[in-house]
Protein backbone atom coordinates (compact mmCIF):
# COMPACT_ATOMS: atom_id res chain seq x y z
CA UNK A 1 129.91 162.83 55.73
CA UNK A 2 128.04 159.56 55.22
CA UNK A 3 124.96 160.03 53.09
CA UNK A 4 122.00 157.64 53.45
CA UNK A 5 120.78 156.12 50.23
CA UNK A 6 117.03 156.15 49.68
CA UNK A 7 115.28 152.97 48.61
CA UNK A 8 111.73 151.68 48.63
CA UNK A 9 110.67 148.20 49.76
CA UNK A 10 107.51 146.42 48.65
CA UNK A 11 105.42 145.28 51.63
CA UNK A 12 103.96 142.39 49.62
CA UNK A 13 106.98 140.70 48.04
CA UNK A 14 110.00 142.42 49.62
CA UNK A 15 111.40 143.76 46.34
CA UNK A 16 113.60 146.87 46.59
CA UNK A 17 113.23 149.79 44.16
CA UNK A 18 115.39 152.91 43.83
CA UNK A 19 112.41 155.24 43.40
CA UNK A 20 108.81 155.29 44.52
CA UNK A 21 106.14 153.94 42.17
CA UNK A 22 102.42 153.47 42.53
CA UNK A 23 102.64 149.81 41.51
CA UNK A 24 105.36 147.31 42.38
CA UNK A 25 106.92 146.11 39.10
CA UNK A 26 107.69 142.67 40.56
CA UNK A 27 104.38 141.58 42.13
CA UNK A 28 102.00 144.19 40.59
CA UNK A 29 100.63 145.24 44.01
CA UNK A 30 99.40 148.84 44.27
CA UNK A 31 100.57 151.33 46.95
CA UNK A 32 102.90 148.76 48.54
CA UNK A 33 106.24 150.60 48.19
CA UNK A 34 107.40 152.26 51.42
CA UNK A 35 110.60 154.18 51.95
CA UNK A 36 113.19 152.05 53.69
CA UNK A 37 116.47 152.96 55.31
CA UNK A 38 119.17 151.93 52.85
CA UNK A 39 122.86 151.28 53.19
CA UNK A 40 125.13 154.16 54.20
CA UNK A 41 127.56 155.21 51.46
CA UNK A 42 131.02 156.17 52.80
CA UNK A 43 134.15 157.25 50.91
CA UNK A 44 135.72 153.89 51.74
CA UNK A 45 132.79 151.81 50.46
CA UNK A 46 132.55 153.97 47.35
CA UNK A 47 136.22 153.62 46.38
CA UNK A 48 137.31 150.31 47.82
CA UNK A 49 136.16 146.69 47.57
CA UNK A 50 135.68 144.17 50.37
CA UNK A 51 138.41 141.82 49.17
CA UNK A 52 140.98 143.14 51.70
CA UNK A 53 141.02 144.29 55.30
CA UNK A 54 138.98 141.46 56.79
CA UNK A 55 139.83 138.62 59.18
CA UNK A 56 140.70 135.28 57.64
CA UNK A 57 138.23 132.54 58.46
CA UNK A 58 139.09 128.87 59.03
CA UNK A 59 137.81 126.50 56.34
CA UNK A 60 136.84 122.97 57.35
CA UNK A 61 136.29 119.72 55.47
CA UNK A 62 133.11 117.70 55.11
CA UNK A 63 134.60 114.65 56.81
CA UNK A 64 135.12 116.46 60.12
CA UNK A 65 133.60 114.67 63.12
CA UNK A 66 130.27 116.37 63.91
CA UNK A 67 127.97 115.00 66.63
CA UNK A 68 124.24 115.01 66.14
CA UNK A 69 122.52 117.99 67.80
CA UNK A 70 120.88 117.20 71.14
CA UNK A 71 117.11 117.49 71.37
CA UNK A 72 114.76 118.48 74.15
CA UNK A 73 111.41 116.73 74.26
CA UNK A 74 108.42 119.07 74.49
CA UNK A 75 106.36 116.51 76.38
CA UNK A 76 103.91 116.38 73.46
CA UNK A 77 104.61 113.41 71.19
CA UNK A 78 102.85 114.88 68.14
CA UNK A 79 104.88 118.09 68.45
CA UNK A 80 108.12 116.11 68.79
CA UNK A 81 107.26 114.04 65.71
CA UNK A 82 106.68 117.17 63.62
CA UNK A 83 109.97 118.71 64.77
CA UNK A 84 111.89 115.51 64.01
CA UNK A 85 112.34 114.30 67.58
CA UNK A 86 112.22 117.43 69.75
CA UNK A 87 113.52 120.98 69.98
CA UNK A 88 117.16 121.58 69.04
CA UNK A 89 118.90 124.17 71.27
CA UNK A 90 119.78 127.32 69.34
CA UNK A 91 117.28 126.59 66.56
CA UNK A 92 114.75 129.08 65.21
CA UNK A 93 111.20 127.81 64.58
CA UNK A 94 108.51 129.73 62.70
CA UNK A 95 104.91 128.64 63.17
CA UNK A 96 102.03 130.08 61.16
CA UNK A 97 98.29 129.55 60.97
CA UNK A 98 94.95 131.26 60.71
CA UNK A 99 93.79 133.47 63.60
CA UNK A 100 92.15 131.43 66.35
CA UNK A 101 93.46 128.10 65.07
CA UNK A 102 95.32 127.36 68.33
CA UNK A 103 98.94 128.52 67.83
CA UNK A 104 99.16 130.37 71.13
CA UNK A 105 97.38 127.55 72.94
CA UNK A 106 99.80 124.94 71.64
CA UNK A 107 102.90 127.02 72.42
CA UNK A 108 101.63 127.82 75.91
CA UNK A 109 101.13 124.10 76.53
CA UNK A 110 104.68 123.39 75.29
CA UNK A 111 106.07 126.20 77.44
CA UNK A 112 104.19 124.98 80.49
CA UNK A 113 105.39 121.39 80.17
CA UNK A 114 109.01 122.38 79.59
CA UNK A 115 108.92 124.80 82.53
CA UNK A 116 107.43 122.12 84.77
CA UNK A 117 110.27 119.80 83.69
CA UNK A 118 112.81 122.30 85.08
CA UNK A 119 113.75 124.40 82.03
CA UNK A 120 113.75 128.18 82.01
CA UNK A 121 111.02 129.29 79.60
CA UNK A 122 110.27 132.88 78.57
CA UNK A 123 106.99 133.74 76.81
CA UNK A 124 106.79 137.22 75.23
CA UNK A 125 103.37 138.29 73.97
CA UNK A 126 103.13 141.33 71.73
CA UNK A 127 99.40 141.00 71.08
CA UNK A 128 97.94 140.18 74.49
CA UNK A 129 98.43 141.50 77.97
CA UNK A 130 100.13 139.33 80.54
CA UNK A 131 96.84 138.86 82.40
CA UNK A 132 95.19 137.45 79.27
CA UNK A 133 97.94 134.88 78.82
CA UNK A 134 97.80 134.04 82.51
CA UNK A 135 94.03 133.42 82.34
CA UNK A 136 94.48 131.14 79.34
CA UNK A 137 97.14 129.19 81.21
CA UNK A 138 94.70 128.65 84.08
CA UNK A 139 92.05 127.32 81.68
CA UNK A 140 94.65 124.89 80.31
CA UNK A 141 95.58 123.72 83.80
CA UNK A 142 99.02 125.36 83.62
CA UNK A 143 98.50 128.09 86.18
CA UNK A 144 101.27 126.70 88.41
CA UNK A 145 103.85 126.27 85.63
CA UNK A 146 106.93 128.50 86.26
CA UNK A 147 106.82 130.22 82.86
CA UNK A 148 108.35 133.71 82.82
CA UNK A 149 105.82 135.95 81.09
CA UNK A 150 105.92 139.48 79.69
CA UNK A 151 104.00 141.68 77.30
CA UNK A 152 106.46 143.68 75.17
CA UNK A 153 107.14 144.70 71.58
CA UNK A 154 110.60 146.31 71.75
CA UNK A 155 113.34 143.95 70.60
CA UNK A 156 115.94 146.04 72.45
CA UNK A 157 114.04 145.72 75.74
CA UNK A 158 113.56 141.98 75.26
CA UNK A 159 117.22 141.27 74.50
CA UNK A 160 118.42 143.55 77.31
CA UNK A 161 116.26 141.61 79.75
CA UNK A 162 117.33 138.18 78.49
CA UNK A 163 121.07 138.92 78.50
CA UNK A 164 120.89 139.72 82.22
CA UNK A 165 121.34 136.25 83.68
CA UNK A 166 121.31 132.72 82.32
CA UNK A 167 119.77 132.41 78.85
CA UNK A 168 116.40 130.62 78.67
CA UNK A 169 116.02 127.18 77.14
CA UNK A 170 113.02 128.34 75.08
CA UNK A 171 111.93 131.81 73.99
CA UNK A 172 108.45 132.23 72.48
CA UNK A 173 107.67 135.43 70.53
CA UNK A 174 103.96 135.87 69.83
CA UNK A 175 104.02 137.31 67.23
CA UNK A 176 106.99 138.48 65.14
CA UNK A 177 104.79 141.00 63.26
CA UNK A 178 104.29 142.96 66.50
CA UNK A 179 107.99 143.30 67.29
CA UNK A 180 109.73 146.65 66.75
CA UNK A 181 113.43 147.42 66.34
CA UNK A 182 114.47 151.02 67.06
CA UNK A 183 117.46 150.64 64.72
CA UNK A 184 115.12 151.19 61.75
CA UNK A 185 112.28 153.57 61.18
CA UNK A 186 108.85 152.22 60.37
CA UNK A 187 105.82 150.69 62.03
CA UNK A 188 105.84 147.11 63.34
CA UNK A 189 104.80 144.59 60.71
CA UNK A 190 106.57 146.20 57.76
CA UNK A 191 109.06 144.20 55.75
CA UNK A 192 112.11 145.96 57.17
CA UNK A 193 110.90 145.73 60.78
CA UNK A 194 109.97 142.05 60.57
CA UNK A 195 113.29 141.21 58.95
CA UNK A 196 115.36 143.25 61.41
CA UNK A 197 113.52 141.99 64.50
CA UNK A 198 113.77 138.37 63.40
CA UNK A 199 117.45 138.74 62.58
CA UNK A 200 118.31 140.14 66.02
CA UNK A 201 116.30 137.45 67.82
CA UNK A 202 117.80 134.64 65.73
CA UNK A 203 121.32 135.99 66.36
CA UNK A 204 120.63 135.92 70.10
CA UNK A 205 119.34 132.33 69.84
CA UNK A 206 122.40 131.12 67.93
CA UNK A 207 124.85 132.79 70.32
CA UNK A 208 123.23 131.60 73.55
CA UNK A 209 121.78 128.22 72.53
CA UNK A 210 118.22 129.36 73.24
CA UNK A 211 115.54 127.69 71.17
CA UNK A 212 113.45 130.42 69.53
CA UNK A 213 109.83 130.05 68.43
CA UNK A 214 108.32 132.84 66.31
CA UNK A 215 104.59 133.04 65.67
CA UNK A 216 103.77 134.46 62.23
CA UNK A 217 100.53 135.84 60.86
CA UNK A 218 99.22 134.40 57.60
CA UNK A 219 97.68 136.04 54.56
CA UNK A 220 94.36 135.19 52.94
CA UNK A 221 95.93 132.46 50.81
CA UNK A 222 97.40 130.80 53.92
CA UNK A 223 101.08 131.74 53.52
CA UNK A 224 103.02 133.52 56.25
CA UNK A 225 102.70 137.29 55.93
CA UNK A 226 105.77 139.40 55.29
CA UNK A 227 108.85 138.66 53.19
CA UNK A 228 109.64 135.09 52.22
CA UNK A 229 113.15 135.74 53.47
CA UNK A 230 111.74 135.18 56.96
CA UNK A 231 111.20 131.52 56.08
CA UNK A 232 114.78 131.29 54.80
CA UNK A 233 116.19 132.77 58.01
CA UNK A 234 114.69 130.16 60.36
CA UNK A 235 115.56 126.48 60.71
CA UNK A 236 112.03 125.07 60.84
CA UNK A 237 108.72 126.26 59.38
CA UNK A 238 105.48 124.79 60.76
CA UNK A 239 101.93 125.44 59.59
CA UNK A 240 98.93 124.89 61.82
CA UNK A 241 96.04 123.81 59.60
CA UNK A 242 92.35 123.23 60.20
CA UNK A 243 89.04 125.01 60.51
CA UNK A 244 88.13 126.86 63.68
CA UNK A 245 84.66 125.29 63.52
CA UNK A 246 86.16 121.78 63.39
CA UNK A 247 87.64 119.90 66.31
CA UNK A 248 90.84 118.61 64.73
CA UNK A 249 94.05 120.46 63.84
CA UNK A 250 97.08 119.38 61.80
CA UNK A 251 100.59 120.68 62.50
CA UNK A 252 102.64 120.29 59.30
CA UNK A 253 106.39 120.80 58.83
CA UNK A 254 107.21 122.34 55.44
CA UNK A 255 110.88 123.03 56.25
CA UNK A 256 113.15 121.43 58.80
CA UNK A 257 116.95 121.62 58.82
CA UNK A 258 117.10 119.09 61.65
CA UNK A 259 114.55 116.55 60.41
CA UNK A 260 112.26 115.46 57.61
CA UNK A 261 109.70 117.66 55.94
CA UNK A 262 106.01 116.93 55.42
CA UNK A 263 105.75 115.37 58.87
CA UNK A 264 102.41 116.01 60.54
CA UNK A 265 101.10 116.06 64.07
CA UNK A 266 97.37 115.69 64.70
CA UNK A 267 95.61 117.41 67.59
CA UNK A 268 92.05 117.71 68.83
CA UNK A 269 90.77 120.94 70.36
CA UNK A 270 89.19 120.06 73.70
CA UNK A 271 88.01 122.08 76.68
CA UNK A 272 91.39 121.65 78.37
CA UNK A 273 93.34 122.69 75.26
CA UNK A 274 94.89 120.71 72.44
CA UNK A 275 95.15 116.96 72.97
CA UNK A 276 97.15 114.49 70.89
CA UNK A 277 95.51 112.10 68.44
CA UNK A 278 97.53 108.88 68.45
CA UNK A 279 95.66 107.24 65.55
CA UNK A 280 94.98 109.87 62.86
CA UNK A 281 93.54 107.28 60.46
CA UNK A 282 90.43 107.05 62.61
CA UNK A 283 89.73 110.74 61.92
CA UNK A 284 89.78 110.47 58.15
CA UNK A 285 87.79 107.24 57.79
CA UNK A 286 84.01 107.36 57.89
CA UNK A 287 82.53 104.73 60.16
CA UNK A 288 80.33 102.64 57.85
CA UNK A 289 78.59 99.33 58.31
CA UNK A 290 78.26 98.52 54.59
CA UNK A 291 80.10 99.47 51.39
CA UNK A 292 79.08 102.69 49.63
CA UNK A 293 79.55 103.35 45.93
CA UNK A 294 82.20 106.00 45.22
CA UNK A 295 84.16 105.50 48.45
CA UNK A 296 87.74 104.15 48.40
CA UNK A 297 90.38 104.11 51.15
CA UNK A 298 93.85 105.33 50.21
CA UNK A 299 96.98 104.84 52.40
CA UNK A 300 98.53 108.31 52.19
CA UNK A 301 102.04 109.04 53.40
CA UNK A 302 102.54 112.21 55.45
CA UNK A 303 106.29 112.43 55.97
CA UNK A 304 107.14 109.05 57.48
CA UNK A 305 103.62 108.39 58.81
CA UNK A 306 101.10 106.35 56.79
CA UNK A 307 97.57 107.69 57.23
CA UNK A 308 94.44 106.02 55.91
CA UNK A 309 92.17 108.56 54.20
CA UNK A 310 88.84 108.06 52.51
CA UNK A 311 88.37 109.36 48.99
CA UNK A 312 84.72 110.05 48.16
CA UNK A 313 83.42 110.55 44.63
CA UNK A 314 79.94 111.41 43.37
CA UNK A 315 78.87 111.32 39.71
CA UNK A 316 75.51 112.88 38.78
CA UNK A 317 74.09 112.50 35.27
CA UNK A 318 72.63 115.67 33.72
CA UNK A 319 70.21 116.34 30.91
CA UNK A 320 71.80 116.99 27.54
CA UNK A 321 72.88 120.60 27.02
CA UNK A 322 73.60 121.38 30.67
CA UNK A 323 77.11 122.39 31.70
CA UNK A 324 78.55 119.86 34.18
CA UNK A 325 80.46 120.95 37.27
CA UNK A 326 83.77 119.67 38.58
CA UNK A 327 84.17 120.29 42.32
CA UNK A 328 87.20 119.11 44.31
CA UNK A 329 87.89 119.41 48.05
CA UNK A 330 91.29 118.35 49.39
CA UNK A 331 92.90 117.36 46.08
CA UNK A 332 94.29 118.94 42.91
CA UNK A 333 91.54 119.85 40.44
CA UNK A 334 93.99 119.68 37.52
CA UNK A 335 94.91 116.09 38.40
CA UNK A 336 91.22 115.18 38.58
CA UNK A 337 90.74 116.54 35.05
CA UNK A 338 93.67 114.40 33.89
CA UNK A 339 92.25 111.20 35.41
CA UNK A 340 88.82 111.89 33.89
CA UNK A 341 90.48 112.34 30.50
CA UNK A 342 92.39 109.05 30.87
CA UNK A 343 89.19 107.22 31.86
CA UNK A 344 87.42 108.57 28.79
CA UNK A 345 90.27 108.06 26.31
CA UNK A 346 91.61 104.68 27.51
CA UNK A 347 88.55 103.05 29.08
CA UNK A 348 85.65 104.47 27.06
CA UNK A 349 83.86 105.87 30.12
CA UNK A 350 81.91 109.07 29.50
CA UNK A 351 81.82 111.90 32.05
CA UNK A 352 80.90 114.62 29.53
CA UNK A 353 77.26 114.82 30.66
CA UNK A 354 77.89 114.23 34.35
CA UNK A 355 78.79 116.42 37.31
CA UNK A 356 81.78 115.09 39.23
CA UNK A 357 82.40 115.82 42.92
CA UNK A 358 85.52 114.61 44.73
CA UNK A 359 86.18 114.97 48.45
CA UNK A 360 88.92 113.90 50.87
CA UNK A 361 87.13 113.02 54.10
CA UNK A 362 88.19 114.66 57.36
CA UNK A 363 89.46 117.94 55.93
CA UNK A 364 92.90 116.58 54.99
CA UNK A 365 94.58 117.85 51.83
CA UNK A 366 96.37 115.17 49.78
CA UNK A 367 99.05 115.97 47.20
CA UNK A 368 100.45 112.45 46.89
CA UNK A 369 100.53 111.23 43.24
CA UNK A 370 100.03 107.69 44.55
CA UNK A 371 96.35 108.59 45.04
CA UNK A 372 95.68 108.39 41.27
CA UNK A 373 94.50 104.78 41.33
CA UNK A 374 92.31 105.37 44.40
CA UNK A 375 90.69 108.40 42.76
CA UNK A 376 90.13 106.50 39.53
CA UNK A 377 88.61 103.60 41.47
CA UNK A 378 86.29 105.97 43.35
CA UNK A 379 85.13 107.57 40.09
CA UNK A 380 84.49 104.19 38.43
CA UNK A 381 82.67 102.97 41.53
CA UNK A 382 80.47 106.07 41.61
CA UNK A 383 79.68 105.86 37.89
CA UNK A 384 78.88 102.12 37.85
CA UNK A 385 77.22 102.07 41.31
CA UNK A 386 79.44 99.13 42.30
CA UNK A 387 80.84 99.64 45.79
CA UNK A 388 84.43 98.78 46.70
CA UNK A 389 84.61 96.42 49.72
CA UNK A 390 85.27 97.96 53.11
CA UNK A 391 88.44 95.90 53.62
CA UNK A 392 90.10 97.16 50.41
CA UNK A 393 92.66 99.93 49.83
CA UNK A 394 93.87 101.25 46.48
CA UNK A 395 97.07 103.06 45.55
CA UNK A 396 99.38 103.65 42.62
CA UNK A 397 100.30 106.27 40.05
CA UNK A 398 98.51 106.59 36.72
CA UNK A 399 100.18 107.57 33.44
CA UNK A 400 98.49 109.22 30.48
CA UNK A 401 98.72 105.93 28.58
CA UNK A 402 96.59 104.25 31.24
CA UNK A 403 99.50 102.32 32.74
CA UNK A 404 99.54 101.73 36.50
CA UNK A 405 102.90 102.41 38.15
CA UNK A 406 104.10 101.52 41.68
CA UNK A 407 103.95 104.14 44.42
CA UNK A 408 106.80 105.16 46.69
CA UNK A 409 107.10 103.36 50.05
CA UNK A 410 104.42 100.87 49.01
CA UNK A 411 105.36 98.26 51.61
CA UNK A 412 105.21 100.79 54.46
CA UNK A 413 101.74 101.95 53.38
CA UNK A 414 100.32 98.45 53.01
CA UNK A 415 101.81 97.28 56.30
CA UNK A 416 99.97 100.08 58.11
CA UNK A 417 96.76 99.28 56.23
CA UNK A 418 97.02 95.61 57.20
CA UNK A 419 97.57 96.62 60.81
CA UNK A 420 94.31 98.58 60.73
CA UNK A 421 92.31 95.61 59.43
CA UNK A 422 92.40 95.97 55.63
CA UNK A 423 92.86 92.62 53.89
CA UNK A 424 92.85 93.48 50.15
CA UNK A 425 94.86 95.94 48.08
CA UNK A 426 94.34 97.20 44.52
CA UNK A 427 97.88 97.93 43.32
CA UNK A 428 99.91 98.04 40.10
CA UNK A 429 100.91 94.56 38.97
CA UNK A 430 104.61 95.35 39.29
CA UNK A 431 104.16 96.01 43.01
CA UNK A 432 102.35 92.82 44.05
CA UNK A 433 105.50 91.50 45.76
CA UNK A 434 105.32 94.37 48.26
CA UNK A 435 101.96 93.19 49.63
CA UNK A 436 102.53 91.84 53.18
CA UNK A 437 101.60 88.32 54.14
CA UNK A 438 98.01 88.00 55.29
CA UNK A 439 96.89 90.63 52.79
CA UNK A 440 95.59 89.76 49.31
CA UNK A 441 97.03 91.85 46.51
CA UNK A 442 95.16 92.33 43.24
CA UNK A 443 97.55 93.74 40.67
CA UNK A 444 96.66 95.45 37.39
CA UNK A 445 98.97 96.55 34.59
CA UNK A 446 96.61 98.99 32.87
CA UNK A 447 93.61 101.04 33.90
CA UNK A 448 91.10 99.14 31.68
CA UNK A 449 91.86 95.97 33.68
CA UNK A 450 91.07 97.79 36.94
CA UNK A 451 87.89 99.26 35.46
CA UNK A 452 86.73 95.83 34.30
CA UNK A 453 87.37 94.44 37.78
CA UNK A 454 85.42 97.24 39.51
CA UNK A 455 82.58 97.29 36.97
CA UNK A 456 82.18 93.55 37.33
CA UNK A 457 81.26 93.90 41.00
CA UNK A 458 84.22 94.41 43.29
CA UNK A 459 82.02 94.08 46.34
CA UNK A 460 81.53 90.36 45.82
């Protein structure tokens, strides 16, 4: 008789142990191991290998003719941009974000527009009743959209319902942590349940060509809750970023098998739901009438989209003996420490007795190394009280030797900056040829040359 094998899965990292322990040896979480249904051991599996008895599969070559997958437009340009051009039939999309950030609102708007365009759309809510979703749709002006709605948590019931008739073009599951598969024991939200429910839903999507959207809860550090294998199972992973108290939201693609990663879509939360922001640069630039010391504009690159962001720096001198602070919002604190060290070692500028504050305006987080020169220029401007002109952008990478190096896609960034009215660019000297016509490029080989230019009064 087949004998089930006991095993214990960690609810924090998904590691599997053969015996129960108070602390997971892999992630050091306490009381996270829960008994999980393991594989069934049979006489055949115990004595035989899997190298015989199967069906031979056909192997293909890489040069086989493969057409590009068709895409369905969601009717929301920012959503299509993030997905790489639209929704691919049969794809699985995972979207995560903080509670109340607008995930359900955005997906309901997408479902309503696709249903109005003639597609069959099914929206399954495991957290809200059907009446609650219906009331939200009315507030969004989608009360007449022919979206098929249900409130359910059983994966078996959902798949039984969907296999009866034509498959839908889009299936929204809100959220995957509330789904329950009766094949396994355990409460919804556990590692085994989330993995099993997602696997069954993704298999249905691949077999029928239904586009599947899974909503995932996030942990305190912002990552999607549950096993990381959930992100490996899907085709696209989207994160909805922003503060609930702020108006603007950013939809970021961190994985996309059918398009580029790091693409962003920008939305504004209005009374009638989420609206698109066609010019994101206007959100991240402070409207000023005169130059301000410590403020520099940097042309960031989010995927294939150049976005102008404002880097703000503040340097406050302290009395001798006080411990200075280093506060960073929207950038890497370790990279700030490196740039301060280069300014002190290569340029003779002292920040030892000064508090340094760095902020990326608009709530955007920048991880682009091309922002080194802009950050250094903002720090020098704040320390010397010499403002950088309003029509100037700065970009480039900075080495530990103080050398300025060209940034990736420099011409694309500067072309967008010139389109928005910027006429001067502080760049590495080796990249001056990439400056578009009509824009004045000021190139520097080493950081001391840039510091001398800024300290001498760049606002002239």
